[in-house]
Amino acid sequence: DAALCAPCGEELHGFRSSAKRPHSIVPLGRGERLRRVPRCPTHPGEKLLFLSVTRQQLICRDCILVGEHEHDRYVTVEEAGRQTKSDLWELLQRARGALGRVEEQLEAHQRRVPE
């Protein structure tokens, strides 16, 4: 979770590759920003990668395995994002349809009412 220039990345890569947790170095494109994943306040160091659907709260892996959320229904944040995008798209389509019907009614009313 760190942005490194090429020399620093090369220098630190050897050290980090010997660490217990594997990692990968990903080049950032022009204008691209490093995405920060929020950390769990209950389990320091753990990333909040899941959404408790039951409680509508971001949770980490440890919250699911040993915490108070072990019986919650949960999804990954990616899945929650896809579902939210789909829900918003559906709402937008319905709103556009309702707007079209209102515009048709307005036009019909304007034709009936003399100026």
C-alpha atoms as a PDB file:
ATOM      1  CA  ASP A   1       0.000   0.000   0.000  1.00  0.00           C
ATOM      2  CA  ALA A   2       2.803   2.403  -0.793  1.00  0.00           C
ATOM      3  CA  ALA A   3       3.690   4.431  -3.863  1.00  0.00           C
ATOM      4  CA  LEU A   4       7.390   3.986  -4.622  1.00  0.00           C
ATOM      5  CA  CYS A   5       9.607   5.406  -7.335  1.00  0.00           C
ATOM      6  CA  ALA A   6      11.455   2.812  -9.426  1.00  0.00           C
ATOM      7  CA  PRO A   7      14.801   2.957  -7.547  1.00  0.00           C
ATOM      8  CA  CYS A   8      13.104   2.715  -4.143  1.00  0.00           C
ATOM      9  CA  GLY A   9      10.888  -0.115  -5.361  1.00  0.00           C
ATOM     10  CA  GLU A  10      13.900  -2.069  -6.596  1.00  0.00           C
ATOM     11  CA  GLU A  11      15.852  -1.474  -3.400  1.00  0.00           C
ATOM     12  CA  LEU A  12      12.972  -2.458  -1.120  1.00  0.00           C
ATOM     13  CA  HIS A  13      11.663  -5.290  -3.299  1.00  0.00           C
ATOM     14  CA  GLY A  14      14.409  -7.697  -2.217  1.00  0.00           C
ATOM     15  CA  PHE A  15      13.691  -6.963   1.434  1.00  0.00           C
ATOM     16  CA  ARG A  16       9.928  -7.285   1.088  1.00  0.00           C
ATOM     17  CA  SER A  17      10.061 -10.457  -0.984  1.00  0.00           C
ATOM     18  CA  SER A  18      11.596 -12.197   2.008  1.00  0.00           C
ATOM     19  CA  ALA A  19       8.690 -11.076   4.194  1.00  0.00           C
ATOM     20  CA  LYS A  20       6.030 -13.585   5.172  1.00  0.00           C
ATOM     21  CA  ARG A  21       3.201 -11.911   3.261  1.00  0.00           C
ATOM     22  CA  PRO A  22       3.678 -11.984  -0.524  1.00  0.00           C
ATOM     23  CA  HIS A  23       3.136  -8.802  -2.501  1.00  0.00           C
ATOM     24  CA  SER A  24       3.354  -7.492  -5.998  1.00  0.00           C
ATOM     25  CA  ILE A  25       4.604  -4.254  -7.494  1.00  0.00           C
ATOM     26  CA  VAL A  26       2.140  -2.630  -9.859  1.00  0.00           C
ATOM     27  CA  PRO A  27       3.119   0.379 -11.984  1.00  0.00           C
ATOM     28  CA  LEU A  28       0.743   3.319 -11.726  1.00  0.00           C
ATOM     29  CA  GLY A  29      -0.441   4.819 -14.975  1.00  0.00           C
ATOM     30  CA  ARG A  30      -0.269   8.511 -15.724  1.00  0.00           C
ATOM     31  CA  GLY A  31      -2.573  10.398 -13.402  1.00  0.00           C
ATOM     32  CA  GLU A  32      -3.585   7.177 -11.650  1.00  0.00           C
ATOM     33  CA  ARG A  33      -3.764   7.224  -7.869  1.00  0.00           C
ATOM     34  CA  LEU A  34      -2.913   4.533  -5.380  1.00  0.00           C
ATOM     35  CA  ARG A  35      -6.120   3.066  -3.975  1.00  0.00           C
ATOM     36  CA  ARG A  36      -6.093   2.988  -0.195  1.00  0.00           C
ATOM     37  CA  VAL A  37      -8.091   0.237   1.446  1.00  0.00           C
ATOM     38  CA  PRO A  38      -9.433   1.249   4.868  1.00  0.00           C
ATOM     39  CA  ARG A  39      -8.229  -0.746   7.871  1.00  0.00           C
ATOM     40  CA  CYS A  40     -10.332  -2.432  10.534  1.00  0.00           C
ATOM     41  CA  PRO A  41     -10.543  -0.511  13.819  1.00  0.00           C
ATOM     42  CA  THR A  42     -11.087  -3.773  15.740  1.00  0.00           C
ATOM     43  CA  HIS A  43      -8.316  -5.805  14.065  1.00  0.00           C
ATOM     44  CA  PRO A  44      -5.445  -3.393  13.285  1.00  0.00           C
ATOM     45  CA  GLY A  45      -3.668  -4.163  10.063  1.00  0.00           C
ATOM     46  CA  GLU A  46      -6.593  -6.049   8.518  1.00  0.00           C
ATOM     47  CA  LYS A  47      -8.201  -4.517   5.449  1.00  0.00           C
ATOM     48  CA  LEU A  48     -11.950  -3.896   5.311  1.00  0.00           C
ATOM     49  CA  LEU A  49     -12.659  -6.109   2.291  1.00  0.00           C
ATOM     50  CA  PHE A  50     -16.207  -7.258   3.075  1.00  0.00           C
ATOM     51  CA  LEU A  51     -19.595  -5.668   3.650  1.00  0.00           C
ATOM     52  CA  SER A  52     -21.806  -7.109   6.359  1.00  0.00           C
ATOM     53  CA  VAL A  53     -25.166  -7.077   4.585  1.00  0.00           C
ATOM     54  CA  THR A  54     -26.802  -7.821   7.922  1.00  0.00           C
ATOM     55  CA  ARG A  55     -25.435  -4.680   9.601  1.00  0.00           C
ATOM     56  CA  GLN A  56     -24.511  -2.552   6.550  1.00  0.00           C
ATOM     57  CA  GLN A  57     -20.970  -2.196   7.878  1.00  0.00           C
ATOM     58  CA  LEU A  58     -17.522  -2.741   6.357  1.00  0.00           C
ATOM     59  CA  ILE A  59     -15.706  -5.641   8.029  1.00  0.00           C
ATOM     60  CA  CYS A  60     -12.428  -7.526   7.732  1.00  0.00           C
ATOM     61  CA  ARG A  61     -11.683 -11.215   7.426  1.00  0.00           C
ATOM     62  CA  ASP A  62     -11.019 -11.542  11.156  1.00  0.00           C
ATOM     63  CA  CYS A  63     -14.392  -9.949  11.963  1.00  0.00           C
ATOM     64  CA  ILE A  64     -15.985 -12.815  10.013  1.00  0.00           C
ATOM     65  CA  LEU A  65     -13.803 -15.575  11.445  1.00  0.00           C
ATOM     66  CA  VAL A  66     -13.589 -14.663  15.123  1.00  0.00           C
ATOM     67  CA  GLY A  67     -15.507 -11.455  15.660  1.00  0.00           C
ATOM     68  CA  GLU A  68     -19.033 -10.398  16.333  1.00  0.00           C
ATOM     69  CA  HIS A  69     -19.886 -10.683  12.619  1.00  0.00           C
ATOM     70  CA  GLU A  70     -19.318 -14.422  12.259  1.00  0.00           C
ATOM     71  CA  HIS A  71     -23.059 -15.057  11.818  1.00  0.00           C
ATOM     72  CA  ASP A  72     -23.702 -12.078   9.542  1.00  0.00           C
ATOM     73  CA  ARG A  73     -24.473 -12.401   5.856  1.00  0.00           C
ATOM     74  CA  TYR A  74     -21.631 -10.729   3.952  1.00  0.00           C
ATOM     75  CA  VAL A  75     -20.293 -10.060   0.455  1.00  0.00           C
ATOM     76  CA  THR A  76     -17.007  -8.706  -0.861  1.00  0.00           C
ATOM     77  CA  VAL A  77     -16.836  -4.951  -1.347  1.00  0.00           C
ATOM     78  CA  GLU A  78     -16.445  -5.607  -5.083  1.00  0.00           C
ATOM     79  CA  GLU A  79     -19.720  -7.532  -5.184  1.00  0.00           C
ATOM     80  CA  ALA A  80     -21.435  -4.872  -3.069  1.00  0.00           C
ATOM     81  CA  GLY A  81     -20.185  -2.238  -5.530  1.00  0.00           C
ATOM     82  CA  ARG A  82     -21.449  -4.182  -8.553  1.00  0.00           C
ATOM     83  CA  GLN A  83     -24.848  -4.689  -6.913  1.00  0.00           C
ATOM     84  CA  THR A  84     -25.120  -1.024  -5.928  1.00  0.00           C
ATOM     85  CA  LYS A  85     -24.214   0.057  -9.460  1.00  0.00           C
ATOM     86  CA  SER A  86     -26.848  -2.288 -10.867  1.00  0.00           C
ATOM     87  CA  ASP A  87     -29.481  -1.024  -8.400  1.00  0.00           C
ATOM     88  CA  LEU A  88     -28.685   2.600  -9.236  1.00  0.00           C
ATOM     89  CA  TRP A  89     -28.876   1.889 -12.971  1.00  0.00           C
ATOM     90  CA  GLU A  90     -32.311   0.316 -12.515  1.00  0.00           C
ATOM     91  CA  LEU A  91     -33.511   3.307 -10.469  1.00  0.00           C
ATOM     92  CA  LEU A  92     -32.196   5.683 -13.123  1.00  0.00           C
ATOM     93  CA  GLN A  93     -34.062   3.816 -15.862  1.00  0.00           C
ATOM     94  CA  ARG A  94     -37.304   3.939 -13.861  1.00  0.00           C
ATOM     95  CA  ALA A  95     -36.810   7.655 -13.167  1.00  0.00           C
ATOM     96  CA  ARG A  96     -36.248   8.327 -16.873  1.00  0.00           C
ATOM     97  CA  GLY A  97     -39.440   6.428 -17.678  1.00  0.00           C
ATOM     98  CA  ALA A  98     -41.408   8.410 -15.092  1.00  0.00           C
ATOM     99  CA  LEU A  99     -39.966  11.675 -16.421  1.00  0.00           C
ATOM    100  CA  GLY A 100     -41.010  10.718 -19.955  1.00  0.00           C
ATOM    101  CA  ARG A 101     -44.576  10.032 -18.785  1.00  0.00           C
ATOM    102  CA  VAL A 102     -44.746  13.374 -16.957  1.00  0.00           C
ATOM    103  CA  GLU A 103     -43.467  15.205 -20.037  1.00  0.00           C
ATOM    104  CA  GLU A 104     -46.124  13.471 -22.183  1.00  0.00           C
ATOM    105  CA  GLN A 105     -48.864  14.471 -19.717  1.00  0.00           C
ATOM    106  CA  LEU A 106     -47.583  18.055 -19.669  1.00  0.00           C
ATOM    107  CA  GLU A 107     -47.647  18.248 -23.467  1.00  0.00           C
ATOM    108  CA  ALA A 108     -51.165  16.795 -23.579  1.00  0.00           C
ATOM    109  CA  HIS A 109     -52.314  19.289 -20.948  1.00  0.00           C
ATOM    110  CA  GLN A 110     -50.729  22.201 -22.832  1.00  0.00           C
ATOM    111  CA  ARG A 111     -52.547  21.177 -26.035  1.00  0.00           C
ATOM    112  CA  ARG A 112     -55.889  21.155 -24.217  1.00  0.00           C
ATOM    113  CA  VAL A 113     -55.493  24.442 -22.367  1.00  0.00           C
ATOM    114  CA  PRO A 114     -55.665  27.514 -24.565  1.00  0.00           C
ATOM    115  CA  GLU A 115     -52.916  30.050 -24.035  1.00  0.00           C
END
